[in-house]
Amino acid sequence: MFSCGRFTFSLSRPLIMGIVNVTPDSFSDGGHFRDAKHAIEYALQLIEQGADLLDIGGESTRPNAAPVPEKEELARVLPVLEGLRDTGVALSIDTQKPAVMRAAIEVGADMVNDVNALQSPGALAAVADSTVAVCLMHKQGDPQTMQQLPLYYDVAAEVRAFLQARLQVAQAAGIARERLVIDPGFGFGKNLEHNVTLLRQFHALTDLGVPVLAGLSRKSMLGKLAGLEVHERVHASVAAAVLALMKGAKIVRVHDVKATHDALAIVNAIEGWHE
């Protein structure tokens, strides 16, 4: 059972998290939905296409992305959250900033998706007393440096150990296990070999007792493996999402909701994954 703010998910079938980037510089769709009106319209399309959750972000975390001032991030995401609050779909705020977390929760966010795994000062306190879900992600370095020279001795074991430690910290701060999700952070301080190894050894994460989210959509590893530009990676992204789910992921974070939803209609039927 996964407790996510106003929503409770049985996880008897996988969940699709649709990506809504209200940014000018995200790697795949930066600039497409820079204002609230267009972002809301796009989000409503994702709901129609089968999204179970929407992940709304106002700061790009792609490699080499520049930090966004707190005031600007708030101005980008809060109107979108307010506009989608009554759509009947769980809303996630993709942010590292405690002040943005607090403000988003106040206007109706059901989940905090933090690439920094609540390590920023005040982040644990920002979410602990709420009912929102929290996604704790692994990364090595920061967006400005993370792809320069990522180094691991055993990437799967090191990612697992980090996420296990963050789960313990979160629970000690009062965040119930039912509210927690983990994300290995494909592409965040990891080269192609690291990413492939993580996906091959995905089972190393699924025994930690909380749902695992996989964010592989349109990422550079798919481009390198299949020789594709960003806009050409729809089919590769769907294949990666299905593979992650077959290996135990419970949530996939995707740009291409309809394509993923159509593929999962088949997988769900064959595997017996239903509501």
Protein backbone atom coordinates (compact mmCIF):
# COMPACT_ATOMS: atom_id res chain seq x y z
CA MET A 1 0.00 0.00 0.00
CA PHE A 2 1.34 3.41 -1.01
CA SER A 3 0.07 6.47 0.84
CA CYS A 4 0.34 9.58 -1.33
CA GLY A 5 -1.29 12.65 0.20
CA ARG A 6 -4.99 12.58 -0.71
CA PHE A 7 -4.57 9.23 -2.49
CA THR A 8 -3.88 5.63 -1.58
CA PHE A 9 -2.57 3.24 -4.21
CA SER A 10 -2.68 -0.53 -3.83
CA LEU A 11 0.18 -0.97 -6.33
CA SER A 12 -1.54 -4.07 -7.66
CA ARG A 13 -0.61 -2.60 -11.04
CA PRO A 14 2.22 -0.23 -11.97
CA LEU A 15 1.67 3.54 -11.85
CA ILE A 16 2.49 5.98 -14.62
CA MET A 17 3.90 9.34 -13.55
CA GLY A 18 3.62 11.96 -16.30
CA ILE A 19 6.31 14.64 -16.51
CA VAL A 20 5.30 18.32 -16.60
CA ASN A 21 8.39 20.54 -16.84
CA VAL A 22 7.62 24.23 -16.35
CA THR A 23 11.15 25.18 -17.37
CA PRO A 24 13.01 26.72 -20.29
CA ASP A 25 15.91 24.26 -20.20
CA SER A 26 14.85 20.68 -19.40
CA PHE A 27 16.70 18.27 -21.67
CA SER A 28 13.69 16.91 -23.55
CA ASP A 29 10.86 19.44 -23.43
CA GLY A 30 12.39 22.58 -21.97
CA GLY A 31 10.54 25.71 -23.01
CA HIS A 32 7.45 23.92 -24.31
CA PHE A 33 5.35 24.71 -21.24
CA ARG A 34 7.00 27.74 -19.67
CA ASP A 35 3.77 29.37 -18.51
CA ALA A 36 1.06 27.95 -16.26
CA LYS A 37 -1.70 27.98 -18.88
CA HIS A 38 0.18 25.78 -21.34
CA ALA A 39 1.55 23.53 -18.60
CA ILE A 40 -1.96 22.93 -17.24
CA GLU A 41 -3.33 22.20 -20.71
CA TYR A 42 -0.53 19.73 -21.31
CA ALA A 43 -1.05 18.09 -17.91
CA LEU A 44 -4.75 17.60 -18.66
CA GLN A 45 -3.75 15.80 -21.86
CA LEU A 46 -1.50 13.49 -19.86
CA ILE A 47 -4.39 12.69 -17.53
CA GLU A 48 -6.57 11.79 -20.52
CA GLN A 49 -3.76 9.57 -21.80
CA GLY A 50 -3.64 7.57 -18.57
CA ALA A 51 -1.30 9.29 -16.10
CA ASP A 52 -1.85 8.21 -12.48
CA LEU A 53 0.39 10.95 -11.11
CA LEU A 54 1.81 14.20 -12.48
CA ASP A 55 5.34 15.32 -11.60
CA ILE A 56 5.58 19.10 -11.83
CA GLY A 57 9.00 20.70 -11.85
CA GLY A 58 10.23 24.27 -12.11
CA GLU A 59 13.99 23.65 -12.08
CA SER A 60 15.85 21.49 -14.56
CA THR A 61 18.21 18.88 -13.11
CA ARG A 62 19.73 17.84 -16.43
CA PRO A 63 23.56 17.76 -16.62
CA ASN A 64 25.04 21.29 -16.55
CA ALA A 65 21.70 22.89 -15.61
CA ALA A 66 21.94 26.17 -13.71
CA PRO A 67 20.18 26.53 -10.34
CA VAL A 68 16.90 28.46 -10.31
CA PRO A 69 16.21 31.08 -7.62
CA GLU A 70 13.60 29.99 -5.11
CA LYS A 71 11.24 32.84 -5.99
CA GLU A 72 11.35 31.94 -9.68
CA GLU A 73 10.74 28.25 -9.02
CA LEU A 74 7.73 29.07 -6.86
CA ALA A 75 6.32 31.36 -9.53
CA ARG A 76 6.61 28.58 -12.10
CA VAL A 77 5.08 25.69 -10.18
CA LEU A 78 2.48 27.03 -7.75
CA PRO A 79 -0.04 28.23 -10.37
CA VAL A 80 0.23 24.83 -12.09
CA LEU A 81 -0.38 22.93 -8.87
CA GLU A 82 -3.34 25.17 -8.06
CA GLY A 83 -4.78 24.69 -11.53
CA LEU A 84 -4.55 20.89 -11.32
CA ARG A 85 -5.53 20.42 -7.68
CA ASP A 86 -9.08 19.23 -8.40
CA THR A 87 -8.38 16.97 -11.39
CA GLY A 88 -8.56 13.75 -9.36
CA VAL A 89 -4.92 12.83 -10.07
CA ALA A 90 -2.08 12.79 -7.55
CA LEU A 91 0.30 15.75 -7.90
CA SER A 92 4.02 15.52 -7.26
CA ILE A 93 6.38 18.49 -6.87
CA ASP A 94 9.85 17.88 -8.27
CA THR A 95 12.09 20.09 -6.12
CA GLN A 96 15.12 20.11 -3.84
CA LYS A 97 14.15 23.28 -1.96
CA PRO A 98 12.39 23.00 1.44
CA ALA A 99 10.53 26.31 0.94
CA VAL A 100 9.16 25.08 -2.38
CA MET A 101 8.17 21.79 -0.75
CA ARG A 102 6.24 23.60 1.98
CA ALA A 103 4.47 25.95 -0.42
CA ALA A 104 3.58 23.12 -2.79
CA ILE A 105 2.14 21.02 0.03
CA GLU A 106 0.02 23.99 1.11
CA VAL A 107 -1.56 24.32 -2.34
CA GLY A 108 -2.26 20.61 -2.77
CA ALA A 109 0.83 18.58 -3.70
CA ASP A 110 0.49 14.90 -2.76
CA MET A 111 4.14 13.96 -3.20
CA VAL A 112 7.60 15.48 -3.02
CA ASN A 113 10.06 14.12 -5.58
CA ASP A 114 13.51 15.17 -4.37
CA VAL A 115 16.63 14.35 -6.41
CA ASN A 116 18.60 15.29 -3.29
CA ALA A 117 16.83 12.70 -1.09
CA LEU A 118 15.85 15.26 1.59
CA GLN A 119 19.47 16.10 2.36
CA SER A 120 19.03 19.89 2.13
CA PRO A 121 18.82 21.60 5.53
CA GLY A 122 15.16 21.76 6.53
CA ALA A 123 13.93 19.31 3.90
CA LEU A 124 13.03 16.53 6.34
CA ALA A 125 11.10 18.95 8.54
CA ALA A 126 9.32 20.40 5.51
CA VAL A 127 7.59 17.11 4.76
CA ALA A 128 7.58 15.10 7.99
CA ASP A 129 4.43 16.58 9.51
CA SER A 130 2.39 16.30 6.31
CA THR A 131 0.74 13.30 4.65
CA VAL A 132 2.60 13.62 1.34
CA ALA A 133 4.60 10.82 -0.18
CA VAL A 134 8.33 11.33 -0.68
CA CYS A 135 10.58 9.98 -3.41
CA LEU A 136 14.22 9.70 -2.35
CA MET A 137 16.63 9.63 -5.29
CA HIS A 138 20.28 8.72 -5.55
CA LYS A 139 22.70 10.99 -7.36
CA GLN A 140 26.45 11.49 -7.34
CA GLY A 141 27.51 15.14 -7.48
CA ASP A 142 25.26 17.95 -8.67
CA PRO A 143 23.91 18.91 -12.11
CA GLN A 144 26.98 21.04 -12.83
CA THR A 145 29.47 18.23 -12.12
CA MET A 146 27.68 14.88 -11.98
CA GLN A 147 28.56 13.64 -15.46
CA GLN A 148 32.19 14.74 -15.50
CA LEU A 149 33.69 11.60 -14.01
CA PRO A 150 31.21 9.42 -12.09
CA LEU A 151 33.00 6.68 -10.20
CA TYR A 152 31.76 3.57 -8.38
CA TYR A 153 33.33 0.32 -7.24
CA ASP A 154 29.94 -1.46 -7.21
CA VAL A 155 27.22 0.84 -8.46
CA ALA A 156 24.24 -1.31 -7.50
CA ALA A 157 25.53 -1.95 -3.98
CA GLU A 158 26.47 1.71 -3.44
CA VAL A 159 23.15 3.04 -4.69
CA ARG A 160 21.30 0.51 -2.53
CA ALA A 161 23.31 1.43 0.57
CA PHE A 162 22.66 5.14 0.07
CA LEU A 163 18.92 4.69 -0.41
CA GLN A 164 18.65 2.32 2.54
CA ALA A 165 20.37 4.91 4.73
CA ARG A 166 18.09 7.69 3.52
CA LEU A 167 15.03 5.54 4.22
CA GLN A 168 16.23 5.08 7.78
CA VAL A 169 16.80 8.82 8.20
CA ALA A 170 13.37 9.64 6.76
CA GLN A 171 11.60 7.18 9.04
CA ALA A 172 13.51 8.45 12.06
CA ALA A 173 12.22 11.93 11.18
CA GLY A 174 8.64 10.65 11.35
CA ILE A 175 7.90 9.85 7.71
CA ALA A 176 5.95 6.58 7.64
CA ARG A 177 7.32 3.81 5.44
CA GLU A 178 4.02 3.73 3.52
CA ARG A 179 4.79 7.26 2.27
CA LEU A 180 8.27 6.46 0.91
CA VAL A 181 9.49 5.68 -2.60
CA ILE A 182 13.06 5.27 -3.85
CA ASP A 183 14.63 6.08 -7.22
CA PRO A 184 18.10 4.84 -8.29
CA GLY A 185 18.60 8.02 -10.32
CA PHE A 186 19.43 6.79 -13.80
CA GLY A 187 21.69 9.36 -15.44
CA PHE A 188 22.40 11.30 -12.25
CA GLY A 189 26.14 10.94 -11.80
CA LYS A 190 26.26 7.68 -13.73
CA ASN A 191 27.75 6.75 -17.09
CA LEU A 192 26.29 4.29 -19.57
CA GLU A 193 27.91 1.27 -17.94
CA HIS A 194 26.61 2.32 -14.51
CA ASN A 195 23.08 2.82 -15.82
CA VAL A 196 23.01 -0.52 -17.62
CA THR A 197 24.34 -2.32 -14.55
CA LEU A 198 21.72 -0.66 -12.34
CA LEU A 199 18.92 -1.78 -14.62
CA ARG A 200 20.33 -5.30 -14.86
CA GLN A 201 20.59 -5.49 -11.06
CA PHE A 202 17.35 -3.67 -10.30
CA HIS A 203 16.39 -6.44 -7.89
CA ALA A 204 19.00 -5.04 -5.49
CA LEU A 205 16.53 -2.23 -4.73
CA THR A 206 13.19 -4.00 -4.75
CA ASP A 207 13.82 -5.82 -1.47
CA LEU A 208 14.12 -2.60 0.57
CA GLY A 209 10.41 -2.74 1.35
CA VAL A 210 9.22 0.40 -0.44
CA PRO A 211 8.11 1.04 -4.05
CA VAL A 212 10.86 1.74 -6.57
CA LEU A 213 10.42 4.44 -9.20
CA ALA A 214 12.27 4.20 -12.51
CA GLY A 215 12.98 7.34 -14.51
CA LEU A 216 14.45 6.26 -17.83
CA SER A 217 12.32 8.27 -20.22
CA ARG A 218 14.24 9.72 -23.20
CA LYS A 219 17.51 9.64 -21.29
CA SER A 220 20.92 9.72 -22.92
CA MET A 221 21.61 6.05 -22.11
CA LEU A 222 18.80 5.12 -24.49
CA GLY A 223 20.23 7.40 -27.16
CA LYS A 224 23.65 5.81 -26.77
CA LEU A 225 22.32 2.26 -26.82
CA ALA A 226 20.09 2.76 -29.86
CA GLY A 227 21.78 5.67 -31.66
CA LEU A 228 18.83 8.03 -31.20
CA GLU A 229 18.37 11.75 -30.70
CA VAL A 230 16.15 12.92 -27.83
CA HIS A 231 13.02 13.35 -29.97
CA GLU A 232 13.47 9.85 -31.42
CA ARG A 233 13.46 7.93 -28.13
CA VAL A 234 9.76 7.21 -27.61
CA HIS A 235 9.92 3.50 -28.45
CA ALA A 236 13.19 3.01 -26.58
CA SER A 237 11.69 4.76 -23.56
CA VAL A 238 8.64 2.50 -23.56
CA ALA A 239 10.85 -0.58 -23.82
CA ALA A 240 12.97 0.63 -20.90
CA ALA A 241 9.89 1.37 -18.80
CA VAL A 242 8.42 -2.08 -19.42
CA LEU A 243 11.77 -3.71 -18.65
CA ALA A 244 12.04 -1.81 -15.36
CA LEU A 245 8.51 -2.83 -14.38
CA MET A 246 9.20 -6.46 -15.22
CA LYS A 247 12.23 -6.21 -12.92
CA GLY A 248 10.13 -4.89 -10.04
CA ALA A 249 9.60 -1.14 -10.42
CA LYS A 250 6.17 0.05 -9.25
CA ILE A 251 6.19 3.55 -10.79
CA VAL A 252 7.61 4.77 -14.10
CA ARG A 253 8.23 8.47 -14.67
CA VAL A 254 7.68 9.18 -18.36
CA HIS A 255 7.26 11.88 -20.97
CA ASP A 256 5.27 9.67 -23.36
CA VAL A 257 2.25 8.74 -21.28
CA LYS A 258 -0.02 7.38 -24.03
CA ALA A 259 2.64 5.13 -25.53
CA THR A 260 3.55 3.80 -22.09
CA HIS A 261 -0.11 3.35 -21.12
CA ASP A 262 -0.81 1.39 -24.32
CA ALA A 263 2.18 -0.89 -23.72
CA LEU A 264 1.18 -1.49 -20.11
CA ALA A 265 -2.34 -2.43 -21.15
CA ILE A 266 -0.80 -5.53 -22.69
CA VAL A 267 1.69 -6.19 -19.89
CA ASN A 268 -0.95 -5.71 -17.20
CA ALA A 269 -3.31 -8.15 -18.94
CA ILE A 270 -0.66 -10.84 -19.38
CA GLU A 271 0.88 -10.43 -15.93
CA GLY A 272 -2.44 -10.08 -14.15
CA TRP A 273 -1.62 -6.62 -12.86
CA HIS A 274 -5.00 -4.96 -12.24
CA GLU A 275 -6.70 -2.58 -9.82
